Amino acid sequence: MVVSKDEIMEIRASDHVVLVRQAVRKWSTELGFGLVDQTKIITAASELARNTLDYGGGGTVRLEAVESGGRRGLRLIFEDQGPGIVDLEKALTDGYTTGKGMGMGLSGSKRLVNEFDIVSRVGEGTRVTITRWK
């Protein structure tokens, strides 16, 4: 996989979630994504940015324009140094929440993208990597 462009954004306050959404919209448009694909990656990015802030205590997202096998895509890597997720399997279950939400953040985001990977270590933090291909 080749990364042709990348950018790192901070997620430290609620307005940063909005900025992440706007950046993902811009990048997905530049990559030629259709409206449905744009909406899916923007929605997933918004959920994961909010989780990074609310549960991880803030962190970063790395946006990457990627190419592989003649196709182009957008990869987003969300990282925090928060408390981590004790039970990943449970956290990926629809309806599971430790907060006030509907419990669709992780599981919903996973359904909206082509590739989804999560690594979390208790006491060290969480990294979620998602990719949407055009």
Protein backbone atom coordinates (compact mmCIF):
# COMPACT_ATOMS: atom_id res chain seq x y z
CA MET A 1 0.00 0.00 0.00
CA VAL A 2 1.32 3.42 -0.98
CA VAL A 3 0.51 6.58 0.99
CA SER A 4 0.40 9.53 -1.42
CA LYS A 5 -0.63 12.21 1.10
CA ASP A 6 -1.07 12.40 4.87
CA GLU A 7 -1.97 14.82 7.63
CA ILE A 8 -2.23 14.56 11.42
CA MET A 9 -4.96 16.41 13.30
CA GLU A 10 -5.38 16.88 17.04
CA ILE A 11 -8.62 15.84 18.76
CA ARG A 12 -8.64 17.73 22.07
CA ALA A 13 -12.00 19.57 22.09
CA SER A 14 -15.50 19.24 20.59
CA ASP A 15 -14.75 21.70 17.80
CA HIS A 16 -11.89 19.41 16.70
CA VAL A 17 -14.50 16.71 15.95
CA VAL A 18 -16.13 19.16 13.53
CA LEU A 19 -12.75 19.95 11.95
CA VAL A 20 -12.06 16.23 11.47
CA ARG A 21 -15.44 15.80 9.76
CA GLN A 22 -14.71 18.74 7.45
CA ALA A 23 -11.25 17.41 6.58
CA VAL A 24 -12.60 13.93 5.83
CA ARG A 25 -15.28 15.47 3.59
CA LYS A 26 -12.61 17.47 1.71
CA TRP A 27 -10.26 14.50 1.31
CA SER A 28 -13.00 12.08 0.23
CA THR A 29 -14.24 14.61 -2.34
CA GLU A 30 -10.70 15.12 -3.68
CA LEU A 31 -10.29 11.34 -3.98
CA GLY A 32 -13.43 11.19 -6.11
CA PHE A 33 -15.69 9.35 -3.67
CA GLY A 34 -19.39 9.36 -4.51
CA LEU A 35 -21.87 10.89 -2.08
CA VAL A 36 -22.75 7.59 -0.39
CA ASP A 37 -19.10 6.68 0.20
CA GLN A 38 -18.37 10.22 1.44
CA THR A 39 -21.26 10.01 3.89
CA LYS A 40 -20.12 6.63 5.21
CA ILE A 41 -16.50 7.64 5.86
CA ILE A 42 -17.51 11.03 7.32
CA THR A 43 -20.00 9.36 9.68
CA ALA A 44 -17.47 6.77 10.81
CA ALA A 45 -14.82 9.48 11.30
CA SER A 46 -17.21 11.59 13.35
CA GLU A 47 -18.09 8.67 15.65
CA LEU A 48 -14.46 7.66 16.14
CA ALA A 49 -13.28 11.24 16.71
CA ARG A 50 -15.99 11.64 19.35
CA ASN A 51 -14.91 8.36 21.01
CA THR A 52 -11.27 9.50 20.95
CA LEU A 53 -12.28 12.67 22.79
CA ASP A 54 -14.91 11.29 25.18
CA TYR A 55 -13.41 7.92 26.14
CA GLY A 56 -9.73 8.34 25.28
CA GLY A 57 -9.32 11.81 26.75
CA GLY A 58 -8.29 13.20 23.37
CA GLY A 59 -5.72 12.15 20.84
CA THR A 60 -5.00 12.38 17.14
CA VAL A 61 -6.23 11.23 13.76
CA ARG A 62 -3.93 10.62 10.83
CA LEU A 63 -5.56 11.00 7.40
CA GLU A 64 -3.89 9.09 4.58
CA ALA A 65 -4.69 9.00 0.87
CA VAL A 66 -3.73 5.43 -0.05
CA GLU A 67 -3.37 3.40 -3.22
CA SER A 68 -3.24 -0.38 -3.55
CA GLY A 69 -3.79 -2.66 -6.50
CA GLY A 70 -4.98 0.16 -8.73
CA ARG A 71 -7.58 1.44 -6.29
CA ARG A 72 -7.59 4.59 -4.19
CA GLY A 73 -8.86 5.03 -0.70
CA LEU A 74 -8.85 7.03 2.50
CA ARG A 75 -7.33 5.55 5.64
CA LEU A 76 -7.88 7.15 9.05
CA ILE A 77 -5.90 6.19 12.15
CA PHE A 78 -7.35 7.38 15.47
CA GLU A 79 -5.04 7.14 18.49
CA ASP A 80 -5.34 8.02 22.15
CA GLN A 81 -3.43 7.30 25.34
CA GLY A 82 -6.57 6.84 27.39
CA PRO A 83 -7.65 4.01 29.69
CA GLY A 84 -8.05 1.48 26.87
CA ILE A 85 -10.94 -0.91 26.31
CA VAL A 86 -11.19 -3.82 28.74
CA ASP A 87 -13.44 -6.07 26.60
CA LEU A 88 -13.05 -5.36 22.88
CA GLU A 89 -15.54 -8.04 21.85
CA LYS A 90 -18.23 -6.50 24.06
CA ALA A 91 -17.31 -2.96 22.93
CA LEU A 92 -17.90 -4.00 19.30
CA THR A 93 -21.41 -5.29 20.10
CA ASP A 94 -24.36 -3.20 18.88
CA GLY A 95 -25.98 -1.37 21.77
CA TYR A 96 -23.02 -1.62 24.15
CA THR A 97 -22.07 1.71 25.69
CA THR A 98 -20.21 2.93 28.74
CA GLY A 99 -21.54 6.43 28.17
CA LYS A 100 -24.80 8.10 27.28
CA GLY A 101 -24.81 7.19 23.58
CA MET A 102 -26.75 4.53 21.70
CA GLY A 103 -23.79 2.16 21.59
CA MET A 104 -23.37 2.30 17.81
CA GLY A 105 -20.01 4.10 17.61
CA LEU A 106 -17.54 1.23 17.15
CA SER A 107 -19.88 -1.36 15.66
CA GLY A 108 -21.58 1.21 13.43
CA SER A 109 -18.26 2.60 12.25
CA LYS A 110 -17.06 -0.91 11.42
CA ARG A 111 -20.09 -1.46 9.14
CA LEU A 112 -19.51 1.84 7.30
CA VAL A 113 -15.97 1.09 6.10
CA ASN A 114 -14.22 -1.57 4.03
CA GLU A 115 -11.42 -2.24 6.53
CA PHE A 116 -11.52 -1.86 10.31
CA ASP A 117 -8.83 -2.67 12.87
CA ILE A 118 -8.73 -1.88 16.56
CA VAL A 119 -5.92 -2.39 19.07
CA SER A 120 -6.46 -1.43 22.69
CA ARG A 121 -4.36 -1.98 25.78
CA VAL A 122 -5.75 -1.24 29.22
CA GLY A 123 -3.85 1.66 30.75
CA GLU A 124 -2.10 2.51 27.46
CA GLY A 125 -4.74 3.58 24.97
CA THR A 126 -6.52 2.64 21.77
CA ARG A 127 -5.78 2.79 18.04
CA VAL A 128 -8.57 2.39 15.50
CA THR A 129 -7.66 2.18 11.81
CA ILE A 130 -10.37 2.41 9.15
CA THR A 131 -10.15 2.45 5.36
CA ARG A 132 -12.80 3.23 2.77
CA TRP A 133 -11.97 2.36 -0.85
CA LYS A 134 -13.32 4.22 -3.85
